[in-house]
Amino acid sequence: MIEFPVTAERIRQDCPADKFRLITRSDMDGLVCGTLLKELGLINQIEFVHPKDMQDGKIAVSKSDISTNLPYVPGIYAAFDHHESEDKRVTHKPGNHIINVNAPSAARVVYDFFDGKKTLPRVSDAMMLAVDKADAARFTREDVLNAKGWELLSFLMDARTGLGRFRDFRVSNYQLMMMLIDACRNHTSIEDILALPDVAERVELYHKHEALSRDQIQRCTRLEGPLAILDLRNEETIYASNRFMIYALFPKASISCHVMWGRDKKNTVLAFGKSIFDRSNATHVGDLMLEYGGGGHAGAGTCQVDNDKADAALAAMTARIARDAAA
């Protein structure tokens, strides 16, 4: 079991001849973590995984692996993170769990651990500010409604935006991430990065769907007190949009629920999330989802219910959220 105290110098000394593998999420934070660690000469391959698969032990790890922004797994060489829930979960505080709950992103934890600008002089300050903003969801309403620059790139990287449902792009998302890691090392201008052909075709599709997705969200959403319910069950196509758009279009909502068909319409998915603009909502989403066989954390979660019980379940959840708001 590898749980010794890890330092930046020790990581460099212990780096295998063929370098470490990075295990991370396929998002903006994962992109920047990959950029930093590759710039440091520490990694040669990357695997993108889902956090739950990591926590459930489905991802085999070894002393040749570094993880970022993922649940800590014993046996890994080093794990960088910033989630308070992980700090509480990993009670024995292993020395190779490098965590700073005050950091806005895992990329910031990596950057600071390796002495920042001193050892990473080519890394763009604008990129670091952007990853902090994206991972902490500190977007403004203008960022969400009219995304540009690094904010736009972060939405393109987010699988929840849904671009992948609509086109077979020239390169896969994995290939794009690998290409972007090198692009972020070699380009300081976000405009240059967005103009790269494989990024530009995603930008084009994002903009093509903007008006369609806004109309769909406004047409299919109803407000129930602080809850915005976006019912997409009667929609033939669900257009691509960044996941915060509903809060920009419905600023009075402090929480939202997307109602969608499950696979093959065999059940109904209820996906809840809290507003990034009005952070006053008191409902613990994960606890509420748990009551219906789902899960999540304080700010977001999902559950799947039988189709014939979906409306009743949603009504009960709506009433619960209203009670929490009134308490």
C-alpha atoms as a PDB file:
ATOM      1  CA  MET A   1       0.000   0.000   0.000  1.00  0.00           C
ATOM      2  CA  ILE A   2       1.417   3.370  -1.065  1.00  0.00           C
ATOM      3  CA  GLU A   3       0.500   5.981   1.526  1.00  0.00           C
ATOM      4  CA  PHE A   4       3.812   7.689   2.317  1.00  0.00           C
ATOM      5  CA  PRO A   5       4.090  11.494   2.377  1.00  0.00           C
ATOM      6  CA  VAL A   6       4.533  12.711  -1.190  1.00  0.00           C
ATOM      7  CA  THR A   7       6.538  15.788  -2.135  1.00  0.00           C
ATOM      8  CA  ALA A   8       7.064  17.392  -5.521  1.00  0.00           C
ATOM      9  CA  GLU A   9      10.703  16.296  -5.482  1.00  0.00           C
ATOM     10  CA  ARG A  10       9.809  12.726  -4.570  1.00  0.00           C
ATOM     11  CA  ILE A  11       7.305  12.509  -7.424  1.00  0.00           C
ATOM     12  CA  ARG A  12      10.039  13.580  -9.836  1.00  0.00           C
ATOM     13  CA  GLN A  13      12.465  11.022  -8.371  1.00  0.00           C
ATOM     14  CA  ASP A  14       9.919   8.195  -8.444  1.00  0.00           C
ATOM     15  CA  CYS A  15       8.658   8.964 -11.960  1.00  0.00           C
ATOM     16  CA  PRO A  16       8.901   5.719 -13.975  1.00  0.00           C
ATOM     17  CA  ALA A  17      11.030   5.625 -17.103  1.00  0.00           C
ATOM     18  CA  ASP A  18       7.859   5.551 -19.194  1.00  0.00           C
ATOM     19  CA  LYS A  19       6.272   8.163 -16.882  1.00  0.00           C
ATOM     20  CA  PHE A  20       3.032   8.048 -14.881  1.00  0.00           C
ATOM     21  CA  ARG A  21      -0.482   7.496 -16.141  1.00  0.00           C
ATOM     22  CA  LEU A  22      -2.954  10.248 -15.218  1.00  0.00           C
ATOM     23  CA  ILE A  23      -6.473   9.158 -14.251  1.00  0.00           C
ATOM     24  CA  THR A  24      -8.908  12.059 -14.253  1.00  0.00           C
ATOM     25  CA  ARG A  25     -12.294  13.344 -15.403  1.00  0.00           C
ATOM     26  CA  SER A  26     -13.049  14.285 -18.992  1.00  0.00           C
ATOM     27  CA  ASP A  27     -13.727  17.941 -18.287  1.00  0.00           C
ATOM     28  CA  MET A  28     -12.001  21.312 -18.032  1.00  0.00           C
ATOM     29  CA  ASP A  29     -10.265  20.420 -14.762  1.00  0.00           C
ATOM     30  CA  GLY A  30      -9.010  17.152 -16.245  1.00  0.00           C
ATOM     31  CA  LEU A  31      -7.761  19.012 -19.302  1.00  0.00           C
ATOM     32  CA  VAL A  32      -5.759  21.508 -17.264  1.00  0.00           C
ATOM     33  CA  CYS A  33      -4.426  18.859 -14.860  1.00  0.00           C
ATOM     34  CA  GLY A  34      -3.201  16.930 -17.892  1.00  0.00           C
ATOM     35  CA  THR A  35      -1.635  20.088 -19.315  1.00  0.00           C
ATOM     36  CA  LEU A  36       0.227  20.828 -16.074  1.00  0.00           C
ATOM     37  CA  LEU A  37       1.511  17.303 -15.488  1.00  0.00           C
ATOM     38  CA  LYS A  38       2.587  16.898 -19.104  1.00  0.00           C
ATOM     39  CA  GLU A  39       4.363  20.254 -18.979  1.00  0.00           C
ATOM     40  CA  LEU A  40       6.208  18.929 -15.907  1.00  0.00           C
ATOM     41  CA  GLY A  41       7.216  15.823 -17.884  1.00  0.00           C
ATOM     42  CA  LEU A  42       5.493  13.444 -15.469  1.00  0.00           C
ATOM     43  CA  ILE A  43       2.813  11.720 -17.591  1.00  0.00           C
ATOM     44  CA  ASN A  44       2.677   9.969 -20.937  1.00  0.00           C
ATOM     45  CA  GLN A  45      -0.871   8.618 -20.976  1.00  0.00           C
ATOM     46  CA  ILE A  46      -4.269   9.623 -19.646  1.00  0.00           C
ATOM     47  CA  GLU A  47      -7.399   7.680 -18.783  1.00  0.00           C
ATOM     48  CA  PHE A  48     -10.689   9.508 -18.341  1.00  0.00           C
ATOM     49  CA  VAL A  49     -13.072   7.862 -15.884  1.00  0.00           C
ATOM     50  CA  HIS A  50     -16.311   8.452 -14.001  1.00  0.00           C
ATOM     51  CA  PRO A  51     -15.875   9.298 -10.285  1.00  0.00           C
ATOM     52  CA  LYS A  52     -18.273   6.558  -9.171  1.00  0.00           C
ATOM     53  CA  ASP A  53     -16.332   3.908 -11.100  1.00  0.00           C
ATOM     54  CA  MET A  54     -13.215   5.059  -9.261  1.00  0.00           C
ATOM     55  CA  GLN A  55     -14.897   4.934  -5.860  1.00  0.00           C
ATOM     56  CA  ASP A  56     -16.479   1.531  -6.594  1.00  0.00           C
ATOM     57  CA  GLY A  57     -13.057   0.030  -7.349  1.00  0.00           C
ATOM     58  CA  LYS A  58     -13.768  -0.569 -11.037  1.00  0.00           C
ATOM     59  CA  ILE A  59     -10.576   1.248 -12.101  1.00  0.00           C
ATOM     60  CA  ALA A  60      -7.390  -0.722 -11.424  1.00  0.00           C
ATOM     61  CA  VAL A  61      -4.655   1.541 -10.044  1.00  0.00           C
ATOM     62  CA  SER A  62      -0.958   1.062  -9.302  1.00  0.00           C
ATOM     63  CA  LYS A  63       2.165   2.888  -8.179  1.00  0.00           C
ATOM     64  CA  SER A  64       2.477   4.136 -11.765  1.00  0.00           C
ATOM     65  CA  ASP A  65      -0.766   6.145 -11.541  1.00  0.00           C
ATOM     66  CA  ILE A  66      -1.639   9.681 -10.454  1.00  0.00           C
ATOM     67  CA  SER A  67      -5.281  10.755 -10.120  1.00  0.00           C
ATOM     68  CA  THR A  68      -6.826  14.216 -10.046  1.00  0.00           C
ATOM     69  CA  ASN A  69     -10.316  15.384  -9.074  1.00  0.00           C
ATOM     70  CA  LEU A  70     -11.414  11.817  -8.293  1.00  0.00           C
ATOM     71  CA  PRO A  71     -12.159   9.765  -5.164  1.00  0.00           C
ATOM     72  CA  TYR A  72      -9.025   8.488  -3.405  1.00  0.00           C
ATOM     73  CA  VAL A  73      -8.248   4.806  -4.023  1.00  0.00           C
ATOM     74  CA  PRO A  74      -5.607   2.922  -1.990  1.00  0.00           C
ATOM     75  CA  GLY A  75      -2.726   1.673  -4.121  1.00  0.00           C
ATOM     76  CA  ILE A  76      -2.434   4.768  -6.287  1.00  0.00           C
ATOM     77  CA  TYR A  77       0.889   6.640  -6.271  1.00  0.00           C
ATOM     78  CA  ALA A  78      -0.639  10.073  -5.616  1.00  0.00           C
ATOM     79  CA  ALA A  79      -4.120  11.608  -5.665  1.00  0.00           C
ATOM     80  CA  PHE A  80      -4.754  15.352  -6.024  1.00  0.00           C
ATOM     81  CA  ASP A  81      -8.182  16.674  -5.036  1.00  0.00           C
ATOM     82  CA  HIS A  82     -10.122  19.568  -3.532  1.00  0.00           C
ATOM     83  CA  HIS A  83     -13.500  18.081  -2.581  1.00  0.00           C
ATOM     84  CA  GLU A  84     -14.520  18.500   1.049  1.00  0.00           C
ATOM     85  CA  SER A  85     -16.543  15.273   0.860  1.00  0.00           C
ATOM     86  CA  GLU A  86     -13.349  13.349   0.055  1.00  0.00           C
ATOM     87  CA  ASP A  87     -11.484  14.977   2.922  1.00  0.00           C
ATOM     88  CA  LYS A  88     -14.222  13.696   5.234  1.00  0.00           C
ATOM     89  CA  ARG A  89     -14.488  10.255   3.604  1.00  0.00           C
ATOM     90  CA  VAL A  90     -10.774   9.433   3.693  1.00  0.00           C
ATOM     91  CA  THR A  91     -10.446   9.532   7.463  1.00  0.00           C
ATOM     92  CA  HIS A  92      -6.951   8.043   7.866  1.00  0.00           C
ATOM     93  CA  LYS A  93      -5.321  10.931   5.908  1.00  0.00           C
ATOM     94  CA  PRO A  94      -2.737   9.060   3.809  1.00  0.00           C
ATOM     95  CA  GLY A  95       0.347  11.056   2.880  1.00  0.00           C
ATOM     96  CA  ASN A  96      -0.201  10.514  -0.841  1.00  0.00           C
ATOM     97  CA  HIS A  97      -3.662  12.124  -0.752  1.00  0.00           C
ATOM     98  CA  ILE A  98      -2.821  15.713  -1.655  1.00  0.00           C
ATOM     99  CA  ILE A  99      -6.004  17.634  -0.915  1.00  0.00           C
ATOM    100  CA  ASN A 100      -6.830  21.295  -0.360  1.00  0.00           C
ATOM    101  CA  VAL A 101     -10.528  21.879   0.250  1.00  0.00           C
ATOM    102  CA  ASN A 102     -10.048  25.635  -0.106  1.00  0.00           C
ATOM    103  CA  ALA A 103      -8.773  25.325  -3.684  1.00  0.00           C
ATOM    104  CA  PRO A 104     -11.396  26.037  -6.379  1.00  0.00           C
ATOM    105  CA  SER A 105     -10.102  23.249  -8.650  1.00  0.00           C
ATOM    106  CA  ALA A 106      -7.900  20.165  -8.556  1.00  0.00           C
ATOM    107  CA  ALA A 107      -5.760  21.849 -11.203  1.00  0.00           C
ATOM    108  CA  ARG A 108      -5.041  24.628  -8.712  1.00  0.00           C
ATOM    109  CA  VAL A 109      -3.950  21.997  -6.155  1.00  0.00           C
ATOM    110  CA  VAL A 110      -1.519  20.525  -8.704  1.00  0.00           C
ATOM    111  CA  TYR A 111      -0.275  23.972  -9.767  1.00  0.00           C
ATOM    112  CA  ASP A 112       0.405  25.109  -6.196  1.00  0.00           C
ATOM    113  CA  PHE A 113       1.953  21.775  -5.182  1.00  0.00           C
ATOM    114  CA  PHE A 114       4.582  22.131  -7.895  1.00  0.00           C
ATOM    115  CA  ASP A 115       5.349  25.785  -6.997  1.00  0.00           C
ATOM    116  CA  GLY A 116       3.204  27.359  -9.690  1.00  0.00           C
ATOM    117  CA  LYS A 117       4.817  29.922 -11.956  1.00  0.00           C
ATOM    118  CA  LYS A 118       8.277  29.032 -10.666  1.00  0.00           C
ATOM    119  CA  THR A 119       8.215  25.584 -12.284  1.00  0.00           C
ATOM    120  CA  LEU A 120       5.436  26.198 -14.825  1.00  0.00           C
ATOM    121  CA  PRO A 121       6.389  29.527 -16.440  1.00  0.00           C
ATOM    122  CA  ARG A 122       4.692  28.703 -19.758  1.00  0.00           C
ATOM    123  CA  VAL A 123       1.302  28.025 -18.174  1.00  0.00           C
ATOM    124  CA  SER A 124      -1.229  30.754 -18.902  1.00  0.00           C
ATOM    125  CA  ASP A 125      -2.593  32.689 -15.923  1.00  0.00           C
ATOM    126  CA  ALA A 126      -5.833  33.092 -17.874  1.00  0.00           C
ATOM    127  CA  MET A 127      -6.155  29.309 -18.200  1.00  0.00           C
ATOM    128  CA  MET A 128      -5.643  28.805 -14.467  1.00  0.00           C
ATOM    129  CA  LEU A 129      -8.247  31.445 -13.616  1.00  0.00           C
ATOM    130  CA  ALA A 130     -10.621  29.810 -16.108  1.00  0.00           C
ATOM    131  CA  VAL A 131     -10.313  26.306 -14.656  1.00  0.00           C
ATOM    132  CA  ASP A 132     -10.903  27.671 -11.152  1.00  0.00           C
ATOM    133  CA  LYS A 133     -14.000  29.457 -12.431  1.00  0.00           C
ATOM    134  CA  ALA A 134     -15.299  26.395 -14.279  1.00  0.00           C
ATOM    135  CA  ASP A 135     -14.763  23.781 -11.585  1.00  0.00           C
ATOM    136  CA  ALA A 136     -16.268  26.000  -8.887  1.00  0.00           C
ATOM    137  CA  ALA A 137     -19.118  27.014 -11.262  1.00  0.00           C
ATOM    138  CA  ARG A 138     -18.473  30.700 -10.652  1.00  0.00           C
ATOM    139  CA  PHE A 139     -19.937  31.749 -13.982  1.00  0.00           C
ATOM    140  CA  THR A 140     -21.842  34.981 -14.443  1.00  0.00           C
ATOM    141  CA  ARG A 141     -25.225  35.089 -16.161  1.00  0.00           C
ATOM    142  CA  GLU A 142     -23.483  36.691 -19.148  1.00  0.00           C
ATOM    143  CA  ASP A 143     -20.968  33.802 -19.278  1.00  0.00           C
ATOM    144  CA  VAL A 144     -23.837  31.339 -19.493  1.00  0.00           C
ATOM    145  CA  LEU A 145     -25.982  33.242 -21.987  1.00  0.00           C
ATOM    146  CA  ASN A 146     -23.155  34.380 -24.277  1.00  0.00           C
ATOM    147  CA  ALA A 147     -20.205  32.079 -23.660  1.00  0.00           C
ATOM    148  CA  LYS A 148     -16.868  33.150 -25.096  1.00  0.00           C
ATOM    149  CA  GLY A 149     -13.202  32.328 -24.622  1.00  0.00           C
ATOM    150  CA  TRP A 150     -12.234  29.918 -21.859  1.00  0.00           C
ATOM    151  CA  GLU A 151     -15.819  29.774 -20.581  1.00  0.00           C
ATOM    152  CA  LEU A 152     -16.973  28.535 -23.984  1.00  0.00           C
ATOM    153  CA  LEU A 153     -14.209  25.923 -24.057  1.00  0.00           C
ATOM    154  CA  SER A 154     -15.277  24.632 -20.635  1.00  0.00           C
ATOM    155  CA  PHE A 155     -18.861  24.171 -21.875  1.00  0.00           C
ATOM    156  CA  LEU A 156     -17.621  22.373 -24.996  1.00  0.00           C
ATOM    157  CA  MET A 157     -15.614  19.996 -22.771  1.00  0.00           C
ATOM    158  CA  ASP A 158     -18.599  19.211 -20.520  1.00  0.00           C
ATOM    159  CA  ALA A 159     -20.308  15.986 -21.631  1.00  0.00           C
ATOM    160  CA  ARG A 160     -23.533  17.286 -20.071  1.00  0.00           C
ATOM    161  CA  THR A 161     -23.700  19.968 -22.767  1.00  0.00           C
ATOM    162  CA  GLY A 162     -24.649  17.125 -25.110  1.00  0.00           C
ATOM    163  CA  LEU A 163     -22.767  17.948 -28.300  1.00  0.00           C
ATOM    164  CA  GLY A 164     -21.779  14.312 -28.823  1.00  0.00           C
ATOM    165  CA  ARG A 165     -25.394  13.291 -29.461  1.00  0.00           C
ATOM    166  CA  PHE A 166     -25.603  15.223 -32.715  1.00  0.00           C
ATOM    167  CA  ARG A 167     -22.560  14.656 -34.868  1.00  0.00           C
ATOM    168  CA  ASP A 168     -19.778  12.215 -35.504  1.00  0.00           C
ATOM    169  CA  PHE A 169     -16.913  14.652 -35.161  1.00  0.00           C
ATOM    170  CA  ARG A 170     -13.673  14.164 -37.061  1.00  0.00           C
ATOM    171  CA  VAL A 171     -11.912  13.150 -33.844  1.00  0.00           C
ATOM    172  CA  SER A 172     -13.340  11.569 -30.692  1.00  0.00           C
ATOM    173  CA  ASN A 173     -13.643  13.455 -27.411  1.00  0.00           C
ATOM    174  CA  TYR A 174     -10.639  11.491 -26.120  1.00  0.00           C
ATOM    175  CA  GLN A 175      -8.533  12.491 -29.115  1.00  0.00           C
ATOM    176  CA  LEU A 176      -9.702  16.082 -28.703  1.00  0.00           C
ATOM    177  CA  MET A 177      -8.662  16.128 -25.048  1.00  0.00           C
ATOM    178  CA  MET A 178      -5.217  14.789 -25.894  1.00  0.00           C
ATOM    179  CA  MET A 179      -4.833  17.356 -28.654  1.00  0.00           C
ATOM    180  CA  LEU A 180      -6.008  20.170 -26.380  1.00  0.00           C
ATOM    181  CA  ILE A 181      -3.452  19.282 -23.717  1.00  0.00           C
ATOM    182  CA  ASP A 182      -0.694  20.025 -26.196  1.00  0.00           C
ATOM    183  CA  ALA A 183      -2.578  23.046 -27.546  1.00  0.00           C
ATOM    184  CA  CYS A 184      -2.919  24.528 -24.055  1.00  0.00           C
ATOM    185  CA  ARG A 185       0.810  24.058 -23.503  1.00  0.00           C
ATOM    186  CA  ASN A 186       1.782  25.710 -26.763  1.00  0.00           C
ATOM    187  CA  HIS A 187      -0.870  28.418 -27.198  1.00  0.00           C
ATOM    188  CA  THR A 188      -1.400  31.230 -24.713  1.00  0.00           C
ATOM    189  CA  SER A 189      -4.341  32.633 -26.712  1.00  0.00           C
ATOM    190  CA  ILE A 190      -7.742  31.025 -26.172  1.00  0.00           C
ATOM    191  CA  GLU A 191      -8.795  32.467 -29.529  1.00  0.00           C
ATOM    192  CA  ASP A 192      -6.088  30.359 -31.203  1.00  0.00           C
ATOM    193  CA  ILE A 193      -7.329  27.258 -29.374  1.00  0.00           C
ATOM    194  CA  LEU A 194     -10.981  27.846 -30.316  1.00  0.00           C
ATOM    195  CA  ALA A 195      -9.918  28.307 -33.946  1.00  0.00           C
ATOM    196  CA  LEU A 196      -8.331  24.849 -34.154  1.00  0.00           C
ATOM    197  CA  PRO A 197     -10.428  22.864 -36.678  1.00  0.00           C
ATOM    198  CA  ASP A 198     -11.534  20.135 -34.267  1.00  0.00           C
ATOM    199  CA  VAL A 199     -12.556  22.709 -31.670  1.00  0.00           C
ATOM    200  CA  ALA A 200     -14.132  25.058 -34.203  1.00  0.00           C
ATOM    201  CA  GLU A 201     -16.556  22.401 -35.460  1.00  0.00           C
ATOM    202  CA  ARG A 202     -17.827  21.950 -31.907  1.00  0.00           C
ATOM    203  CA  VAL A 203     -18.106  25.725 -31.462  1.00  0.00           C
ATOM    204  CA  GLU A 204     -20.178  25.856 -34.656  1.00  0.00           C
ATOM    205  CA  LEU A 205     -22.571  23.168 -33.428  1.00  0.00           C
ATOM    206  CA  TYR A 206     -22.866  24.798 -29.978  1.00  0.00           C
ATOM    207  CA  HIS A 207     -23.883  28.101 -31.577  1.00  0.00           C
ATOM    208  CA  LYS A 208     -26.221  26.336 -34.020  1.00  0.00           C
ATOM    209  CA  HIS A 209     -28.173  24.905 -31.087  1.00  0.00           C
ATOM    210  CA  GLU A 210     -28.241  28.068 -28.952  1.00  0.00           C
ATOM    211  CA  ALA A 211     -31.581  29.505 -30.085  1.00  0.00           C
ATOM    212  CA  LEU A 212     -33.168  26.047 -30.366  1.00  0.00           C
ATOM    213  CA  SER A 213     -32.129  25.009 -26.858  1.00  0.00           C
ATOM    214  CA  ARG A 214     -33.204  28.287 -25.254  1.00  0.00           C
ATOM    215  CA  ASP A 215     -36.622  28.045 -26.876  1.00  0.00           C
ATOM    216  CA  GLN A 216     -36.925  24.432 -25.727  1.00  0.00           C
ATOM    217  CA  ILE A 217     -35.959  25.234 -22.139  1.00  0.00           C
ATOM    218  CA  GLN A 218     -38.372  28.177 -21.929  1.00  0.00           C
ATOM    219  CA  ARG A 219     -41.197  26.208 -23.564  1.00  0.00           C
ATOM    220  CA  CYS A 220     -40.812  23.055 -21.463  1.00  0.00           C
ATOM    221  CA  THR A 221     -40.079  24.581 -18.046  1.00  0.00           C
ATOM    222  CA  ARG A 222     -42.575  25.406 -15.328  1.00  0.00           C
ATOM    223  CA  LEU A 223     -41.834  27.068 -12.003  1.00  0.00           C
ATOM    224  CA  GLU A 224     -43.094  25.491  -8.778  1.00  0.00           C
ATOM    225  CA  GLY A 225     -41.908  27.895  -6.089  1.00  0.00           C
ATOM    226  CA  PRO A 226     -38.100  27.753  -6.083  1.00  0.00           C
ATOM    227  CA  LEU A 227     -38.076  24.682  -8.379  1.00  0.00           C
ATOM    228  CA  ALA A 228     -37.785  24.916 -12.169  1.00  0.00           C
ATOM    229  CA  ILE A 229     -39.099  21.685 -13.698  1.00  0.00           C
ATOM    230  CA  LEU A 230     -37.862  21.037 -17.239  1.00  0.00           C
ATOM    231  CA  ASP A 231     -40.030  18.228 -18.625  1.00  0.00           C
ATOM    232  CA  LEU A 232     -38.463  16.832 -21.791  1.00  0.00           C
ATOM    233  CA  ARG A 233     -40.527  13.655 -22.110  1.00  0.00           C
ATOM    234  CA  ASN A 234     -42.537  14.943 -25.067  1.00  0.00           C
ATOM    235  CA  GLU A 235     -39.532  16.329 -26.945  1.00  0.00           C
ATOM    236  CA  GLU A 236     -38.287  14.365 -29.936  1.00  0.00           C
ATOM    237  CA  THR A 237     -34.880  16.107 -29.799  1.00  0.00           C
ATOM    238  CA  ILE A 238     -33.094  17.473 -26.729  1.00  0.00           C
ATOM    239  CA  TYR A 239     -30.856  20.249 -28.023  1.00  0.00           C
ATOM    240  CA  ALA A 240     -27.339  20.861 -26.766  1.00  0.00           C
ATOM    241  CA  SER A 241     -26.902  23.574 -24.149  1.00  0.00           C
ATOM    242  CA  ASN A 242     -24.653  24.276 -21.197  1.00  0.00           C
ATOM    243  CA  ARG A 243     -26.137  22.885 -18.002  1.00  0.00           C
ATOM    244  CA  PHE A 244     -26.502  26.283 -16.331  1.00  0.00           C
ATOM    245  CA  MET A 245     -28.770  27.800 -18.991  1.00  0.00           C
ATOM    246  CA  ILE A 246     -31.958  26.999 -17.091  1.00  0.00           C
ATOM    247  CA  TYR A 247     -30.812  29.185 -14.184  1.00  0.00           C
ATOM    248  CA  ALA A 248     -29.933  32.069 -16.490  1.00  0.00           C
ATOM    249  CA  LEU A 249     -33.366  31.877 -18.141  1.00  0.00           C
ATOM    250  CA  PHE A 250     -35.243  31.339 -14.857  1.00  0.00           C
ATOM    251  CA  PRO A 251     -33.376  33.491 -12.307  1.00  0.00           C
ATOM    252  CA  LYS A 252     -36.089  33.012  -9.650  1.00  0.00           C
ATOM    253  CA  ALA A 253     -35.301  29.292  -9.480  1.00  0.00           C
ATOM    254  CA  SER A 254     -32.783  28.128  -6.893  1.00  0.00           C
ATOM    255  CA  ILE A 255     -33.057  24.457  -7.902  1.00  0.00           C
ATOM    256  CA  SER A 256     -34.020  22.569 -11.055  1.00  0.00           C
ATOM    257  CA  CYS A 257     -35.265  19.156 -12.122  1.00  0.00           C
ATOM    258  CA  HIS A 258     -34.800  17.700 -15.603  1.00  0.00           C
ATOM    259  CA  VAL A 259     -37.472  15.079 -16.319  1.00  0.00           C
ATOM    260  CA  MET A 260     -36.397  12.663 -19.065  1.00  0.00           C
ATOM    261  CA  TRP A 261     -37.026   9.163 -20.315  1.00  0.00           C
ATOM    262  CA  GLY A 262     -34.637   6.483 -19.161  1.00  0.00           C
ATOM    263  CA  ARG A 263     -33.167   3.951 -21.575  1.00  0.00           C
ATOM    264  CA  ASP A 264     -35.771   2.642 -24.046  1.00  0.00           C
ATOM    265  CA  LYS A 265     -38.397   4.622 -22.076  1.00  0.00           C
ATOM    266  CA  LYS A 266     -38.453   1.842 -19.476  1.00  0.00           C
ATOM    267  CA  ASN A 267     -38.382   4.345 -16.617  1.00  0.00           C
ATOM    268  CA  THR A 268     -38.203   8.079 -15.933  1.00  0.00           C
ATOM    269  CA  VAL A 269     -35.067   9.937 -14.877  1.00  0.00           C
ATOM    270  CA  LEU A 270     -35.346  12.877 -12.478  1.00  0.00           C
ATOM    271  CA  ALA A 271     -32.101  14.870 -12.398  1.00  0.00           C
ATOM    272  CA  PHE A 272     -31.843  17.659  -9.829  1.00  0.00           C
ATOM    273  CA  GLY A 273     -29.296  20.438  -9.505  1.00  0.00           C
ATOM    274  CA  LYS A 274     -28.954  23.745  -7.682  1.00  0.00           C
ATOM    275  CA  SER A 275     -28.601  27.182  -9.199  1.00  0.00           C
ATOM    276  CA  ILE A 276     -25.144  28.731  -9.431  1.00  0.00           C
ATOM    277  CA  PHE A 277     -26.682  32.212  -9.194  1.00  0.00           C
ATOM    278  CA  ASP A 278     -29.076  31.813  -6.257  1.00  0.00           C
ATOM    279  CA  ARG A 279     -27.316  29.531  -3.789  1.00  0.00           C
ATOM    280  CA  SER A 280     -29.951  29.848  -1.064  1.00  0.00           C
ATOM    281  CA  ASN A 281     -31.687  26.498  -1.592  1.00  0.00           C
ATOM    282  CA  ALA A 282     -31.769  24.414   1.591  1.00  0.00           C
ATOM    283  CA  THR A 283     -32.692  20.960   0.242  1.00  0.00           C
ATOM    284  CA  HIS A 284     -29.992  18.288   0.413  1.00  0.00           C
ATOM    285  CA  VAL A 285     -30.455  16.824  -3.054  1.00  0.00           C
ATOM    286  CA  GLY A 286     -28.484  13.621  -2.437  1.00  0.00           C
ATOM    287  CA  ASP A 287     -30.546  12.731   0.634  1.00  0.00           C
ATOM    288  CA  LEU A 288     -33.780  13.362  -1.261  1.00  0.00           C
ATOM    289  CA  MET A 289     -32.656  11.188  -4.182  1.00  0.00           C
ATOM    290  CA  LEU A 290     -31.668   8.408  -1.790  1.00  0.00           C
ATOM    291  CA  GLU A 291     -35.290   8.161  -0.648  1.00  0.00           C
ATOM    292  CA  TYR A 292     -36.220   7.255  -4.233  1.00  0.00           C
ATOM    293  CA  GLY A 293     -33.419   4.778  -4.882  1.00  0.00           C
ATOM    294  CA  GLY A 294     -31.002   7.286  -6.380  1.00  0.00           C
ATOM    295  CA  GLY A 295     -28.099   9.282  -5.026  1.00  0.00           C
ATOM    296  CA  GLY A 296     -25.922  12.352  -5.298  1.00  0.00           C
ATOM    297  CA  HIS A 297     -24.571  15.047  -3.027  1.00  0.00           C
ATOM    298  CA  ALA A 298     -25.853  18.255  -1.442  1.00  0.00           C
ATOM    299  CA  GLY A 299     -26.088  20.177  -4.696  1.00  0.00           C
ATOM    300  CA  ALA A 300     -26.984  17.600  -7.347  1.00  0.00           C
ATOM    301  CA  GLY A 301     -28.344  14.093  -7.781  1.00  0.00           C
ATOM    302  CA  THR A 302     -30.530  11.772  -9.828  1.00  0.00           C
ATOM    303  CA  CYS A 303     -33.010   8.966  -9.403  1.00  0.00           C
ATOM    304  CA  GLN A 304     -34.959   6.675 -11.715  1.00  0.00           C
ATOM    305  CA  VAL A 305     -38.596   5.880 -11.032  1.00  0.00           C
ATOM    306  CA  ASP A 306     -41.263   3.755 -12.707  1.00  0.00           C
ATOM    307  CA  ASN A 307     -43.045   5.644 -15.461  1.00  0.00           C
ATOM    308  CA  ASP A 308     -46.469   5.298 -13.839  1.00  0.00           C
ATOM    309  CA  LYS A 309     -45.116   6.685 -10.553  1.00  0.00           C
ATOM    310  CA  ALA A 310     -42.997   9.508 -11.962  1.00  0.00           C
ATOM    311  CA  ASP A 311     -45.534  12.324 -11.702  1.00  0.00           C
ATOM    312  CA  ALA A 312     -46.504  11.391  -8.145  1.00  0.00           C
ATOM    313  CA  ALA A 313     -42.843  11.146  -7.124  1.00  0.00           C
ATOM    314  CA  LEU A 314     -42.095  14.520  -8.684  1.00  0.00           C
ATOM    315  CA  ALA A 315     -45.078  16.087  -6.915  1.00  0.00           C
ATOM    316  CA  ALA A 316     -43.879  14.725  -3.569  1.00  0.00           C
ATOM    317  CA  MET A 317     -40.346  16.010  -4.192  1.00  0.00           C
ATOM    318  CA  THR A 318     -41.712  19.410  -5.223  1.00  0.00           C
ATOM    319  CA  ALA A 319     -43.677  19.629  -1.969  1.00  0.00           C
ATOM    320  CA  ARG A 320     -40.595  18.628   0.027  1.00  0.00           C
ATOM    321  CA  ILE A 321     -38.487  21.327  -1.651  1.00  0.00           C
ATOM    322  CA  ALA A 322     -41.213  23.908  -0.951  1.00  0.00           C
ATOM    323  CA  ARG A 323     -41.277  22.903   2.729  1.00  0.00           C
ATOM    324  CA  ASP A 324     -37.485  23.149   2.959  1.00  0.00           C
ATOM    325  CA  ALA A 325     -37.621  26.620   1.411  1.00  0.00           C
ATOM    326  CA  ALA A 326     -40.261  27.766   3.888  1.00  0.00           C
ATOM    327  CA  ALA A 327     -38.483  26.386   6.951  1.00  0.00           C
END
